[in-house]
Amino acid sequence: MDDEKNRTESSMLGSLVSNLTDEVRTLIRGEVRLAQAEMTEKASQASKGAGSIAAAGAVLFSGFLVLLAAAVYGLDTVIDYGSTPWLSALIVGGVVLIIGAILLQAGRKKLKTLELAPERTMASFRNDKDLARHHGEHVKEGR
């Protein structure tokens, strides 16, 4: 009778361990899927900030081209100080560069405020760890 009882308990324990293993696998797969989804969302948000930086780069490059064109062309028709055509090129290019710098700072600010860590997944992992610890304490108390 005791042997049969031990075999039944052993079978039940094996079944419980098997179920626990399956549940842990399912939980881990779900956590990985959640992390992937959250990182995809974060990457999308980061791409918006990167777009602002790209626009700022284009404006800064345009400013550089304006400076070159103005230097070559010699806009001395705007400023009539005799032999100072470089001054008009400096003014136009400087304004364009200031606009580009403002756009660059706006893009950098967007990226700095963006938290790329998968916060929901990390919270879920912490919750799972706490539940496992709590469950482990109850199992120890039951012995």
Protein backbone atom coordinates (compact mmCIF):
# COMPACT_ATOMS: atom_id res chain seq x y z
CA MET A 1 0.00 0.00 0.00
CA ASP A 2 2.82 2.39 0.88
CA ASP A 3 4.62 1.60 -2.39
CA GLU A 4 1.50 2.41 -4.38
CA LYS A 5 1.01 5.64 -2.44
CA ASN A 6 4.66 6.62 -3.01
CA ARG A 7 4.34 5.89 -6.74
CA THR A 8 1.17 7.97 -6.95
CA GLU A 9 2.79 10.85 -5.09
CA SER A 10 5.91 10.53 -7.23
CA SER A 11 3.76 10.54 -10.37
CA MET A 12 1.87 13.61 -9.13
CA LEU A 13 5.15 15.35 -8.29
CA GLY A 14 6.54 14.54 -11.73
CA SER A 15 3.39 15.90 -13.32
CA LEU A 16 3.61 19.08 -11.25
CA VAL A 17 7.26 19.59 -12.20
CA SER A 18 6.42 19.00 -15.85
CA ASN A 19 3.54 21.49 -15.70
CA LEU A 20 5.75 24.01 -13.92
CA THR A 21 8.42 23.64 -16.60
CA ASP A 22 5.85 24.16 -19.35
CA GLU A 23 4.43 27.21 -17.59
CA VAL A 24 7.89 28.73 -17.11
CA ARG A 25 8.67 28.21 -20.81
CA THR A 26 5.39 29.84 -21.79
CA LEU A 27 6.05 32.73 -19.41
CA ILE A 28 9.55 33.31 -20.76
CA ARG A 29 8.33 33.22 -24.37
CA GLY A 30 5.64 35.76 -23.50
CA GLU A 31 8.20 38.01 -21.80
CA VAL A 32 10.48 37.83 -24.84
CA ARG A 33 7.59 38.74 -27.16
CA LEU A 34 6.71 41.66 -24.88
CA ALA A 35 10.33 42.85 -24.90
CA GLN A 36 10.45 42.65 -28.70
CA ALA A 37 7.22 44.62 -29.07
CA GLU A 38 8.39 47.26 -26.61
CA MET A 39 11.78 47.65 -28.28
CA THR A 40 10.06 48.02 -31.66
CA GLU A 41 7.95 50.81 -30.18
CA LYS A 42 11.03 52.50 -28.70
CA ALA A 43 12.89 52.24 -32.01
CA SER A 44 9.98 53.94 -33.75
CA GLN A 45 10.11 56.79 -31.25
CA ALA A 46 13.88 57.09 -31.67
CA SER A 47 13.51 57.29 -35.44
CA LYS A 48 11.42 60.45 -35.06
CA GLY A 49 14.24 62.16 -33.17
CA ALA A 50 16.71 60.89 -35.74
CA GLY A 51 14.54 62.42 -38.47
CA SER A 52 14.82 65.81 -36.79
CA ILE A 53 18.58 65.43 -36.63
CA ALA A 54 18.67 64.49 -40.32
CA ALA A 55 16.63 67.59 -41.17
CA ALA A 56 19.02 69.69 -39.09
CA GLY A 57 21.96 68.17 -40.96
CA ALA A 58 20.38 69.07 -44.29
CA VAL A 59 19.81 72.65 -43.15
CA LEU A 60 23.36 72.90 -41.81
CA PHE A 61 24.71 71.58 -45.11
CA SER A 62 22.56 74.11 -46.97
CA GLY A 63 24.06 76.82 -44.79
CA PHE A 64 27.51 75.63 -45.73
CA LEU A 65 26.58 75.71 -49.42
CA VAL A 66 25.19 79.22 -49.02
CA LEU A 67 28.45 80.31 -47.43
CA LEU A 68 30.44 78.85 -50.31
CA ALA A 69 28.16 80.30 -52.97
CA ALA A 70 28.18 83.67 -51.30
CA ALA A 71 31.95 83.64 -50.96
CA VAL A 72 32.41 82.69 -54.63
CA TYR A 73 29.74 85.01 -55.93
CA GLY A 74 30.74 87.95 -53.81
CA LEU A 75 27.50 89.56 -52.77
CA ASP A 76 29.01 92.97 -52.66
CA THR A 77 25.87 94.40 -54.22
CA VAL A 78 24.03 94.07 -50.87
CA ILE A 79 26.73 95.62 -48.74
CA ASP A 80 28.40 98.54 -50.40
CA TYR A 81 31.58 98.89 -48.37
CA GLY A 82 33.90 98.67 -51.31
CA SER A 83 36.02 95.55 -51.18
CA THR A 84 34.13 93.46 -48.56
CA PRO A 85 31.98 90.93 -50.51
CA TRP A 86 32.72 88.28 -47.90
CA LEU A 87 30.66 90.13 -45.28
CA SER A 88 27.34 89.50 -47.03
CA ALA A 89 28.20 85.81 -47.44
CA LEU A 90 29.06 85.60 -43.76
CA ILE A 91 25.73 87.14 -42.73
CA VAL A 92 23.53 84.89 -44.92
CA GLY A 93 25.45 81.75 -44.06
CA GLY A 94 25.44 82.59 -40.36
CA VAL A 95 21.65 82.93 -40.29
CA VAL A 96 21.18 79.58 -42.03
CA LEU A 97 23.65 77.90 -39.66
CA ILE A 98 21.82 79.31 -36.63
CA ILE A 99 18.55 77.84 -37.90
CA GLY A 100 20.26 74.48 -38.43
CA ALA A 101 21.76 74.57 -34.94
CA ILE A 102 18.32 75.22 -33.43
CA LEU A 103 16.87 72.24 -35.33
CA LEU A 104 19.79 70.07 -34.23
CA GLN A 105 19.25 70.96 -30.58
CA ALA A 106 15.53 70.17 -30.88
CA GLY A 107 16.32 66.72 -32.29
CA ARG A 108 18.92 66.00 -29.61
CA LYS A 109 16.45 67.05 -26.91
CA LYS A 110 13.86 64.60 -28.27
CA LEU A 111 16.40 61.78 -28.18
CA LYS A 112 17.63 62.62 -24.67
CA THR A 113 14.13 62.45 -23.18
CA LEU A 114 13.50 59.08 -24.82
CA GLU A 115 13.93 56.15 -22.43
CA LEU A 116 14.95 53.16 -24.54
CA ALA A 117 14.84 50.50 -21.82
CA PRO A 118 11.84 48.14 -22.10
CA GLU A 119 10.18 49.42 -18.91
CA ARG A 120 7.02 47.30 -19.03
CA THR A 121 9.01 44.14 -19.67
CA MET A 122 11.41 44.89 -16.81
CA ALA A 123 8.47 45.52 -14.48
CA SER A 124 6.90 42.26 -15.60
CA PHE A 125 10.16 40.38 -14.95
CA ARG A 126 10.37 41.90 -11.47
CA ASN A 127 6.75 40.93 -10.82
CA ASP A 128 7.42 37.37 -12.00
CA LYS A 129 10.47 37.15 -9.75
CA ASP A 130 8.46 38.36 -6.76
CA LEU A 131 5.68 35.86 -7.48
CA ALA A 132 8.19 33.02 -7.79
CA ARG A 133 9.85 34.03 -4.52
CA HIS A 134 6.45 34.27 -2.80
CA HIS A 135 5.43 30.88 -4.19
CA GLY A 136 8.75 29.37 -3.09
CA GLU A 137 8.19 30.61 0.46
CA HIS A 138 4.74 28.98 0.54
CA VAL A 139 6.15 25.70 -0.75
CA LYS A 140 8.82 25.72 1.98
CA GLU A 141 6.18 26.45 4.62
CA GLY A 142 4.10 23.49 3.42
CA ARG A 143 6.87 20.97 4.10
